[in-house]
Amino acid sequence: PSQVLSFQFFLLFFTGVLVLLNNNILLSVVQICPNDPFENTQHLEPINNKQLEALGYLKSQLERGESHLHTITEEYRLAQARVNKLQMKFQESDKRLRLLELSEKKLQTDQAEDSLLPNFIIMGTWKGGTTSLYNIFQQHPSICLAIGEVNYFTNPSIKHLGLNLYQRFFERCLQDRVLKHKNTTHLVIGEKSPTYLWNCAKICPQIKTSNPTVKLIVSLRDPIDRAFSQWSMDWCKGIFNGTFEQFLEKNPKALHAGIYLDQMEALMKHFPKEQLFVIKTEEFFNDTSLTLKKLEHFLGVEEAKFTASQLRTYGSSPKCKSRMEASAKPTINEKTLDRLVEFFAKPNEQLESYMHTHFGWGPLGWK
């Protein structure tokens, strides 16, 4: 602003100089033609060369001055535009600063109330659609997720540092959400850790002790499909280049991870049904919008409007797309499929009986 004022004063000064120059020219004309030169031109004496040179010089000076004035006016206009732009940036920065101050106040309040622990946890199963759900929740204006997979309770290297470190996973998330969505009134915070369900017998008591009211989201997928998805992900990323059968031989946990009964018994031993939402992965992939509405109701947030691209789900990692397209789609050997159907038949039946839910898994889903 001070530079603009300087331009304004300089502009006024230069205009005055031009006025003076103009008056000098008129004065010179009067001096050259004292007898009313504008009306009695017939009595004018011839102007000598010296006077013509003086008039020419004054005219050229006036033209140069006018050109200089035009340049200064244009520079002033550009400077004023820059000042306006800076003022807009300043106003935007001021708004961001005020939002950060609001976020900081909320953060301090939450810390004082010890409520920076998550309101919900997406805890598995691995390869059960948790990444797709995470990506959708990341776009929800009332949901705040820690970045990536936290795995606090299953990672000794960070767990021994205490709950203060766990809470720090959500501090940045709150500030970021306030800036993006201007939402400081009702934010539901959560995390995704697919390792929790498999290790529930060990870690669920710890989760219960530290966060007794947390809501838990579990996505259960056809165990054959889940194991096959795990292998195909490792295969397309180049982690494992063998067949599905070879993968199962070297990774028996890929099969046992699909026996959900023990995992769900451990979970429901420590948490009531009211705090648990079980997703059928197949239904989530087939009708993502409907599943999402049920989850929003479960979490107590308003329904958000998503585009079709925002509701996109991934059957496998997007990183695998190039290799999947370059190769024939992997399939399961018929004998291997029969063996797996038989292997999971009883555990699946026991799970449905325990949870009073029909999942619809079995050979019809593959044959």
Foldseek 3Di string as FASTA:
>chain_A
DVVLVVLVVVLVVLVVVLVVLVVVLVVLVCVQPVPPCVPPVVPHDDDDPVSVVVNVVSVVVSVVSVVVSVVSVVVSVVVVVVVVVVVVVVVVVVVLVVLLVLLVVLVVVCVVVVNLAAQAEAADAVLQQPVLVVLLQVPDLQEFEQPDADCLQVDVVRVVVDCVVVSVSRSVRSSVSCNPNVDNDHHGYYYYHNVCLVVLLPRVVVCCVSPVNHAYEYGAEQLVLSLVQVVVQCCLVVVDVDASVVVCVVCVVSNVSNLRPVSVVSNCVRHPPLRYDYHHSVVCQVCVQVVVVVVCVSSVHDDDDDDPVSSDTDSHDPVSVVVPVVDDHDDDDPVVLVVSLVVCVVSQVVNCVVVVDDSPDHDVVRD
